[in-house]
Amino acid sequence: MTVLGACAAWSLIAAAAHDGRPEDVLLAVLAVTAGYASGRIAGALLPVAAPCAAALAGLGLAVAVPAPPPGLRFDAPPGHAGATAALLALATGAVCCAAWATAVPGLRIALRLSAAVIVLTGAAVGSAAGCVLSAGVLLWSLAAGRTRHRGRGILGLGLVAALVTGVTWAVAGNVLPAGPAALMESLLTTDRVRLWRDALCLARRNPVLGTGPGRFGEHGAVLSPTAPPDARPHSAPLQQAAEQGLTGAVLLVAVFCWVLYALWRASRTAPVALTAGAALTALAVVAAVGNALSFTTVSAGAGLLAGLATAHPLPGDAPEPGDGDVGGSAGSPGGDGVSERCPV
């Protein structure tokens, strides 16, 4: 709550300094907070049903998002493809968490088949990124059942997010060699790369307070007619750096690091924590190269999944079963070692 409060407070400070519009940032912080609180409550009361309901809602929202028109890629209409990919990844993570939480073998198999259906849904709605990310979350979840040290898995997820973000900044800073730079520009489109470079240029001009929340479009360069018309750089870290300075970008990274730390310390079993971590890392990847966090449903879904995966079991509940389940209690951070909890 301290980190989220700092994000809200800093957006107000940056807005006051440059006459910005912090409403979008404040709405995102509120959505994450509400989702997280709801997830903590629902995850404690209904550890299987609540993630299933969340997955169903996420899948429905992903299918309802308008499909991108032919000829335009990833974020056309602006951000919709990124939001679809993020929702599919979060839905897959939620249903896989439910599979690890149930003690009924048949239900566990059915839930994993449901996760596979979500992966196929990504292909059906034309979201290649959603299909790939959902498949990655499902495979990671299956592998998580064999791990005995969740800390290593959490560290690996953090490194993946850091690598993607680093590549994004390298492309924006034009520091990659000619060959890789040309390849990345062909994959990302020239317009997106120009938006990133505009954002990095603004961050260098105003490293402390940025240009003010919501003011990127007023300072960015004029792009080609095919550029997204939503006045955003389509990269959450670069948007934060451009509009709220390096402090805003650091606070965004701090939120993600806090989520990974909370999953490492969570009393839920290691497979549940690692599965949720994989889904949230997939969201971080999409946010680094797209506009997913501009959608309130995505922000709320991320908070909800984090809350579900870190909810404390009610007193008297038996430990959740799971292959390779080494659990984790408040006295055993990260689930490394054998859980000391016993059923009452």
Protein backbone atom coordinates (compact mmCIF):
# COMPACT_ATOMS: atom_id res chain seq x y z
CA MET A 1 0.00 0.00 0.00
CA THR A 2 2.94 2.32 0.63
CA VAL A 3 4.25 1.80 -2.91
CA LEU A 4 0.82 2.33 -4.49
CA GLY A 5 0.26 5.40 -2.34
CA ALA A 6 3.62 6.78 -3.47
CA CYS A 7 2.59 6.23 -7.11
CA ALA A 8 -0.60 8.20 -6.58
CA ALA A 9 1.13 10.98 -4.65
CA TRP A 10 3.92 11.36 -7.21
CA SER A 11 1.43 11.59 -10.08
CA LEU A 12 -0.26 14.48 -8.26
CA ILE A 13 3.09 16.20 -7.68
CA ALA A 14 4.12 15.82 -11.33
CA ALA A 15 0.68 17.02 -12.46
CA ALA A 16 0.83 20.08 -10.22
CA ALA A 17 4.28 20.99 -11.54
CA HIS A 18 3.29 20.85 -15.22
CA ASP A 19 -0.50 21.21 -15.25
CA GLY A 20 -0.90 17.52 -16.06
CA ARG A 21 -3.90 15.22 -15.91
CA PRO A 22 -3.35 12.49 -13.28
CA GLU A 23 -6.83 10.96 -13.53
CA ASP A 24 -5.69 7.91 -15.52
CA VAL A 25 -2.88 7.13 -13.10
CA LEU A 26 -5.11 7.54 -10.06
CA LEU A 27 -7.76 5.31 -11.65
CA ALA A 28 -5.15 2.63 -12.34
CA VAL A 29 -3.89 2.76 -8.76
CA LEU A 30 -7.45 2.53 -7.45
CA ALA A 31 -8.17 -0.43 -9.74
CA VAL A 32 -5.07 -2.32 -8.58
CA THR A 33 -5.85 -1.60 -4.93
CA ALA A 34 -9.48 -2.67 -5.22
CA GLY A 35 -8.56 -5.79 -7.17
CA TYR A 36 -5.86 -6.77 -4.68
CA ALA A 37 -8.13 -6.30 -1.65
CA SER A 38 -10.91 -8.27 -3.31
CA GLY A 39 -8.50 -11.03 -4.23
CA ARG A 40 -7.15 -11.35 -0.70
CA ILE A 41 -10.68 -11.78 0.66
CA ALA A 42 -12.02 -14.04 -2.08
CA GLY A 43 -8.85 -16.15 -2.17
CA ALA A 44 -9.14 -16.88 1.54
CA LEU A 45 -12.83 -17.76 1.40
CA LEU A 46 -12.99 -19.53 -1.98
CA PRO A 47 -9.47 -20.59 -3.05
CA VAL A 48 -10.78 -22.61 -6.03
CA ALA A 49 -14.04 -20.92 -7.04
CA ALA A 50 -12.72 -17.35 -6.88
CA PRO A 51 -9.85 -17.87 -9.38
CA CYS A 52 -12.24 -19.75 -11.67
CA ALA A 53 -14.69 -16.84 -11.63
CA ALA A 54 -11.85 -14.39 -12.26
CA ALA A 55 -10.61 -16.46 -15.20
CA LEU A 56 -14.09 -16.61 -16.71
CA ALA A 57 -14.49 -12.85 -16.38
CA GLY A 58 -11.08 -12.22 -17.90
CA LEU A 59 -11.78 -14.52 -20.82
CA GLY A 60 -15.12 -12.84 -21.47
CA LEU A 61 -13.52 -9.38 -21.46
CA ALA A 62 -10.75 -10.55 -23.78
CA VAL A 63 -13.23 -11.93 -26.28
CA ALA A 64 -15.32 -8.75 -26.06
CA VAL A 65 -12.37 -6.48 -26.94
CA PRO A 66 -12.69 -5.33 -30.58
CA ALA A 67 -10.51 -7.27 -33.00
CA PRO A 68 -7.71 -5.35 -34.75
CA PRO A 69 -8.45 -4.47 -38.39
CA PRO A 70 -6.43 -6.12 -41.18
CA GLY A 71 -3.08 -4.57 -41.98
CA LEU A 72 -2.44 -3.06 -38.55
CA ARG A 73 -0.57 -4.94 -35.86
CA PHE A 74 -0.54 -5.38 -32.12
CA ASP A 75 -2.15 -2.17 -30.89
CA ALA A 76 -4.70 -1.20 -33.51
CA PRO A 77 -7.31 -0.16 -32.43
CA PRO A 78 -4.99 1.60 -29.97
CA GLY A 79 -3.95 -0.77 -27.22
CA HIS A 80 -6.74 -3.29 -27.75
CA ALA A 81 -4.46 -6.12 -28.87
CA GLY A 82 -2.18 -5.56 -25.88
CA ALA A 83 -5.17 -5.59 -23.53
CA THR A 84 -6.45 -8.81 -25.10
CA ALA A 85 -3.09 -10.52 -24.68
CA ALA A 86 -2.82 -9.36 -21.07
CA LEU A 87 -6.33 -10.51 -20.16
CA LEU A 88 -5.77 -13.93 -21.73
CA ALA A 89 -2.51 -14.38 -19.80
CA LEU A 90 -4.15 -13.32 -16.52
CA ALA A 91 -7.13 -15.62 -17.14
CA THR A 92 -4.79 -18.54 -17.81
CA GLY A 93 -2.87 -17.80 -14.63
CA ALA A 94 -6.06 -17.64 -12.57
CA VAL A 95 -7.44 -20.97 -13.79
CA CYS A 96 -4.04 -22.65 -13.29
CA CYS A 97 -3.94 -21.29 -9.73
CA ALA A 98 -7.37 -22.83 -9.17
CA ALA A 99 -6.09 -26.14 -10.52
CA TRP A 100 -3.25 -26.17 -8.00
CA ALA A 101 -5.62 -25.20 -5.17
CA THR A 102 -8.07 -28.06 -5.60
CA ALA A 103 -7.65 -31.49 -4.00
CA VAL A 104 -9.87 -33.25 -6.56
CA PRO A 105 -7.72 -34.85 -9.31
CA GLY A 106 -10.53 -34.85 -11.87
CA LEU A 107 -11.28 -31.18 -11.29
CA ARG A 108 -7.60 -30.33 -11.57
CA ILE A 109 -7.43 -31.99 -14.98
CA ALA A 110 -10.59 -30.20 -16.10
CA LEU A 111 -9.19 -26.84 -15.03
CA ARG A 112 -5.96 -27.43 -16.91
CA LEU A 113 -7.94 -28.33 -19.99
CA SER A 114 -9.80 -25.05 -19.50
CA ALA A 115 -6.45 -23.28 -19.50
CA ALA A 116 -5.64 -24.96 -22.80
CA VAL A 117 -8.98 -23.70 -24.15
CA ILE A 118 -7.98 -20.15 -23.21
CA VAL A 119 -4.74 -20.60 -25.15
CA LEU A 120 -6.72 -21.71 -28.21
CA THR A 121 -9.11 -18.81 -27.72
CA GLY A 122 -6.17 -16.46 -28.17
CA ALA A 123 -5.55 -17.96 -31.58
CA ALA A 124 -9.26 -17.86 -32.41
CA VAL A 125 -9.60 -14.13 -31.69
CA GLY A 126 -6.45 -13.33 -33.66
CA SER A 127 -4.22 -12.51 -30.67
CA ALA A 128 -0.91 -14.20 -31.43
CA ALA A 129 0.71 -12.53 -28.41
CA GLY A 130 -2.12 -13.70 -26.15
CA CYS A 131 -1.84 -17.25 -27.46
CA VAL A 132 1.93 -17.38 -26.93
CA LEU A 133 1.86 -15.76 -23.48
CA SER A 134 -1.03 -17.94 -22.28
CA ALA A 135 0.76 -21.06 -23.47
CA GLY A 136 3.87 -19.90 -21.63
CA VAL A 137 1.92 -19.38 -18.40
CA LEU A 138 0.35 -22.84 -18.70
CA LEU A 139 3.68 -24.56 -19.32
CA TRP A 140 5.33 -22.65 -16.48
CA SER A 141 2.50 -23.66 -14.17
CA LEU A 142 2.95 -27.33 -15.04
CA ALA A 143 6.69 -27.06 -14.45
CA ALA A 144 6.13 -25.22 -11.15
CA GLY A 145 4.80 -28.43 -9.60
CA ARG A 146 8.30 -29.89 -9.70
CA THR A 147 10.19 -27.01 -8.14
CA ARG A 148 11.28 -27.07 -4.52
CA HIS A 149 12.52 -23.50 -4.27
CA ARG A 150 10.12 -20.81 -5.38
CA GLY A 151 12.74 -18.13 -4.84
CA ARG A 152 14.66 -19.23 -7.91
CA GLY A 153 11.52 -19.18 -10.03
CA ILE A 154 10.57 -15.71 -8.78
CA LEU A 155 14.09 -14.48 -9.55
CA GLY A 156 13.86 -15.93 -13.06
CA LEU A 157 10.57 -14.14 -13.68
CA GLY A 158 12.06 -10.87 -12.52
CA LEU A 159 15.00 -11.31 -14.88
CA VAL A 160 12.65 -11.92 -17.82
CA ALA A 161 10.76 -8.69 -17.11
CA ALA A 162 14.04 -6.79 -16.66
CA LEU A 163 15.41 -8.15 -19.95
CA VAL A 164 12.35 -7.11 -21.97
CA THR A 165 12.30 -3.67 -20.37
CA GLY A 166 16.02 -3.27 -21.00
CA VAL A 167 15.61 -4.15 -24.67
CA THR A 168 12.78 -1.62 -24.91
CA TRP A 169 14.99 1.14 -23.54
CA ALA A 170 17.88 0.04 -25.75
CA VAL A 171 15.67 0.31 -28.85
CA ALA A 172 14.41 3.71 -27.71
CA GLY A 173 17.95 4.89 -27.09
CA ASN A 174 19.15 3.55 -30.47
CA VAL A 175 22.09 1.77 -28.85
CA LEU A 176 21.61 -1.65 -30.45
CA PRO A 177 23.88 -2.75 -33.32
CA ALA A 178 22.55 -2.12 -36.81
CA GLY A 179 21.37 -5.69 -37.46
CA PRO A 180 19.39 -6.24 -34.23
CA ALA A 181 18.08 -2.67 -34.40
CA ALA A 182 16.68 -3.21 -37.89
CA LEU A 183 15.12 -6.51 -36.82
CA MET A 184 13.44 -4.97 -33.78
CA GLU A 185 12.15 -2.04 -35.81
CA SER A 186 10.63 -4.40 -38.38
CA LEU A 187 8.89 -6.37 -35.61
CA LEU A 188 7.72 -3.36 -33.63
CA THR A 189 6.96 -1.03 -36.59
CA THR A 190 8.73 2.25 -37.26
CA ASP A 191 5.96 4.32 -35.68
CA ARG A 192 6.21 2.52 -32.36
CA VAL A 193 9.99 2.96 -32.25
CA ARG A 194 9.57 6.68 -32.97
CA LEU A 195 7.09 6.97 -30.12
CA TRP A 196 9.57 5.29 -27.77
CA ARG A 197 12.35 7.63 -28.85
CA ASP A 198 10.10 10.63 -28.32
CA ALA A 199 9.32 9.38 -24.82
CA LEU A 200 12.98 8.83 -23.98
CA CYS A 201 13.85 12.28 -25.33
CA LEU A 202 11.21 13.87 -23.11
CA ALA A 203 12.51 11.91 -20.12
CA ARG A 204 16.01 13.25 -20.74
CA ARG A 205 14.73 16.82 -20.95
CA ASN A 206 12.70 16.50 -17.73
CA PRO A 207 14.38 13.75 -15.69
CA VAL A 208 12.84 14.68 -12.33
CA LEU A 209 9.17 15.55 -12.86
CA GLY A 210 8.64 14.69 -16.54
CA THR A 211 6.23 16.62 -18.71
CA GLY A 212 3.20 15.90 -16.54
CA PRO A 213 0.74 12.96 -16.56
CA GLY A 214 -1.31 12.79 -19.75
CA ARG A 215 0.82 15.35 -21.61
CA PHE A 216 2.96 13.09 -23.81
CA GLY A 217 0.83 13.82 -26.88
CA GLU A 218 1.38 17.56 -26.47
CA HIS A 219 5.16 17.22 -26.73
CA GLY A 220 5.75 14.19 -28.96
CA ALA A 221 6.88 14.50 -32.56
CA VAL A 222 4.40 14.40 -35.43
CA LEU A 223 4.31 10.85 -36.78
CA SER A 224 3.00 9.21 -39.90
CA PRO A 225 -0.78 8.75 -40.43
CA THR A 226 -0.52 5.06 -39.44
CA ALA A 227 0.76 5.88 -35.95
CA PRO A 228 -1.61 5.16 -33.06
CA PRO A 229 -3.72 8.31 -32.55
CA ASP A 230 -4.09 7.92 -28.78
CA ALA A 231 -1.14 10.17 -27.80
CA ARG A 232 0.66 7.45 -25.84
CA PRO A 233 4.14 5.98 -26.35
CA HIS A 234 2.81 2.43 -26.00
CA SER A 235 5.30 1.41 -23.33
CA ALA A 236 4.44 1.78 -19.67
CA PRO A 237 8.01 2.34 -18.38
CA LEU A 238 8.76 4.91 -21.10
CA GLN A 239 5.44 6.65 -20.56
CA GLN A 240 6.12 6.93 -16.85
CA ALA A 241 9.61 8.27 -17.51
CA ALA A 242 8.34 10.82 -20.04
CA GLU A 243 5.35 12.05 -18.04
CA GLN A 244 6.53 11.60 -14.43
CA GLY A 245 10.30 11.52 -14.71
CA LEU A 246 12.64 8.78 -13.61
CA THR A 247 10.95 8.72 -10.19
CA GLY A 248 7.70 7.66 -11.81
CA ALA A 249 9.46 4.90 -13.74
CA VAL A 250 11.20 3.70 -10.58
CA LEU A 251 7.88 3.59 -8.72
CA LEU A 252 6.35 1.49 -11.50
CA VAL A 253 9.24 -0.97 -11.25
CA ALA A 254 8.87 -0.96 -7.46
CA VAL A 255 5.23 -2.08 -7.77
CA PHE A 256 6.25 -5.09 -9.86
CA CYS A 257 9.14 -5.94 -7.50
CA TRP A 258 6.78 -5.71 -4.54
CA VAL A 259 4.38 -8.14 -6.21
CA LEU A 260 7.18 -10.66 -6.78
CA TYR A 261 8.31 -10.26 -3.17
CA ALA A 262 4.75 -10.76 -1.91
CA LEU A 263 4.50 -13.97 -3.95
CA TRP A 264 7.81 -15.18 -2.54
CA ARG A 265 6.57 -14.58 1.02
CA ALA A 266 3.03 -15.83 0.40
CA SER A 267 1.63 -18.66 2.50
CA ARG A 268 0.09 -20.27 -0.57
CA THR A 269 1.92 -23.20 -2.13
CA ALA A 270 4.88 -22.68 -4.45
CA PRO A 271 3.00 -23.72 -7.64
CA VAL A 272 0.24 -21.19 -6.96
CA ALA A 273 2.72 -18.38 -6.31
CA LEU A 274 4.87 -19.21 -9.34
CA THR A 275 1.85 -19.52 -11.62
CA ALA A 276 0.54 -16.11 -10.60
CA GLY A 277 4.04 -14.71 -10.96
CA ALA A 278 4.27 -16.03 -14.51
CA ALA A 279 0.95 -14.43 -15.49
CA LEU A 280 1.92 -11.09 -13.96
CA THR A 281 5.31 -11.24 -15.67
CA ALA A 282 3.52 -11.82 -18.97
CA LEU A 283 1.52 -8.67 -18.24
CA ALA A 284 4.77 -6.80 -17.51
CA VAL A 285 6.16 -7.92 -20.87
CA VAL A 286 3.05 -6.71 -22.70
CA ALA A 287 3.09 -3.42 -20.80
CA ALA A 288 6.75 -2.84 -21.70
CA VAL A 289 5.99 -2.94 -25.43
CA GLY A 290 2.32 -2.01 -25.51
CA ASN A 291 -0.49 -0.04 -23.96
CA ALA A 292 -2.14 -2.70 -21.78
CA LEU A 293 -1.98 -0.82 -18.47
CA SER A 294 -4.12 1.97 -19.88
CA PHE A 295 -7.13 -0.36 -19.56
CA THR A 296 -8.76 -0.38 -16.12
CA THR A 297 -9.87 -3.99 -16.54
CA VAL A 298 -6.24 -5.09 -16.97
CA SER A 299 -5.04 -3.16 -13.91
CA ALA A 300 -7.87 -4.52 -11.79
CA GLY A 301 -7.25 -8.04 -13.08
CA ALA A 302 -3.58 -7.84 -12.18
CA GLY A 303 -4.40 -6.73 -8.65
CA LEU A 304 -7.06 -9.42 -8.32
CA LEU A 305 -4.68 -12.22 -9.36
CA ALA A 306 -1.97 -10.94 -7.02
CA GLY A 307 -4.48 -10.89 -4.17
CA LEU A 308 -5.75 -14.39 -4.93
CA ALA A 309 -2.21 -15.79 -4.96
CA THR A 310 -1.17 -14.10 -1.70
CA ALA A 311 -4.36 -14.70 0.31
CA HIS A 312 -3.83 -16.30 3.71
CA PRO A 313 -5.73 -19.60 4.21
CA LEU A 314 -8.40 -19.43 6.87
CA PRO A 315 -7.52 -20.94 10.25
CA GLY A 316 -8.21 -24.66 10.24
CA ASP A 317 -7.87 -25.08 6.47
CA ALA A 318 -5.68 -27.93 5.30
CA PRO A 319 -2.65 -27.12 3.15
CA GLU A 320 -3.30 -27.05 -0.56
CA PRO A 321 -2.10 -30.16 -2.35
CA GLY A 322 0.17 -30.10 -5.36
CA ASP A 323 2.95 -31.96 -7.11
CA GLY A 324 6.22 -30.78 -5.66
CA ASP A 325 4.24 -28.85 -3.06
CA VAL A 326 6.66 -27.48 -0.55
CA GLY A 327 4.17 -24.86 0.56
CA GLY A 328 5.22 -21.96 2.64
CA SER A 329 4.04 -20.48 5.87
CA ALA A 330 4.63 -17.17 7.48
CA GLY A 331 7.65 -18.66 9.17
CA SER A 332 8.93 -20.27 6.00
CA PRO A 333 9.32 -17.53 3.37
CA GLY A 334 9.04 -18.52 -0.22
CA GLY A 335 8.07 -22.08 0.53
CA ASP A 336 11.71 -23.26 0.54
CA GLY A 337 11.83 -26.33 2.66
CA VAL A 338 8.99 -28.39 4.09
CA SER A 339 5.85 -26.66 5.21
CA GLU A 340 5.19 -26.84 8.93
CA ARG A 341 1.44 -26.44 8.62
CA CYS A 342 -0.70 -29.42 9.52
CA PRO A 343 -4.39 -29.98 8.94
CA VAL A 344 -6.53 -29.55 12.02
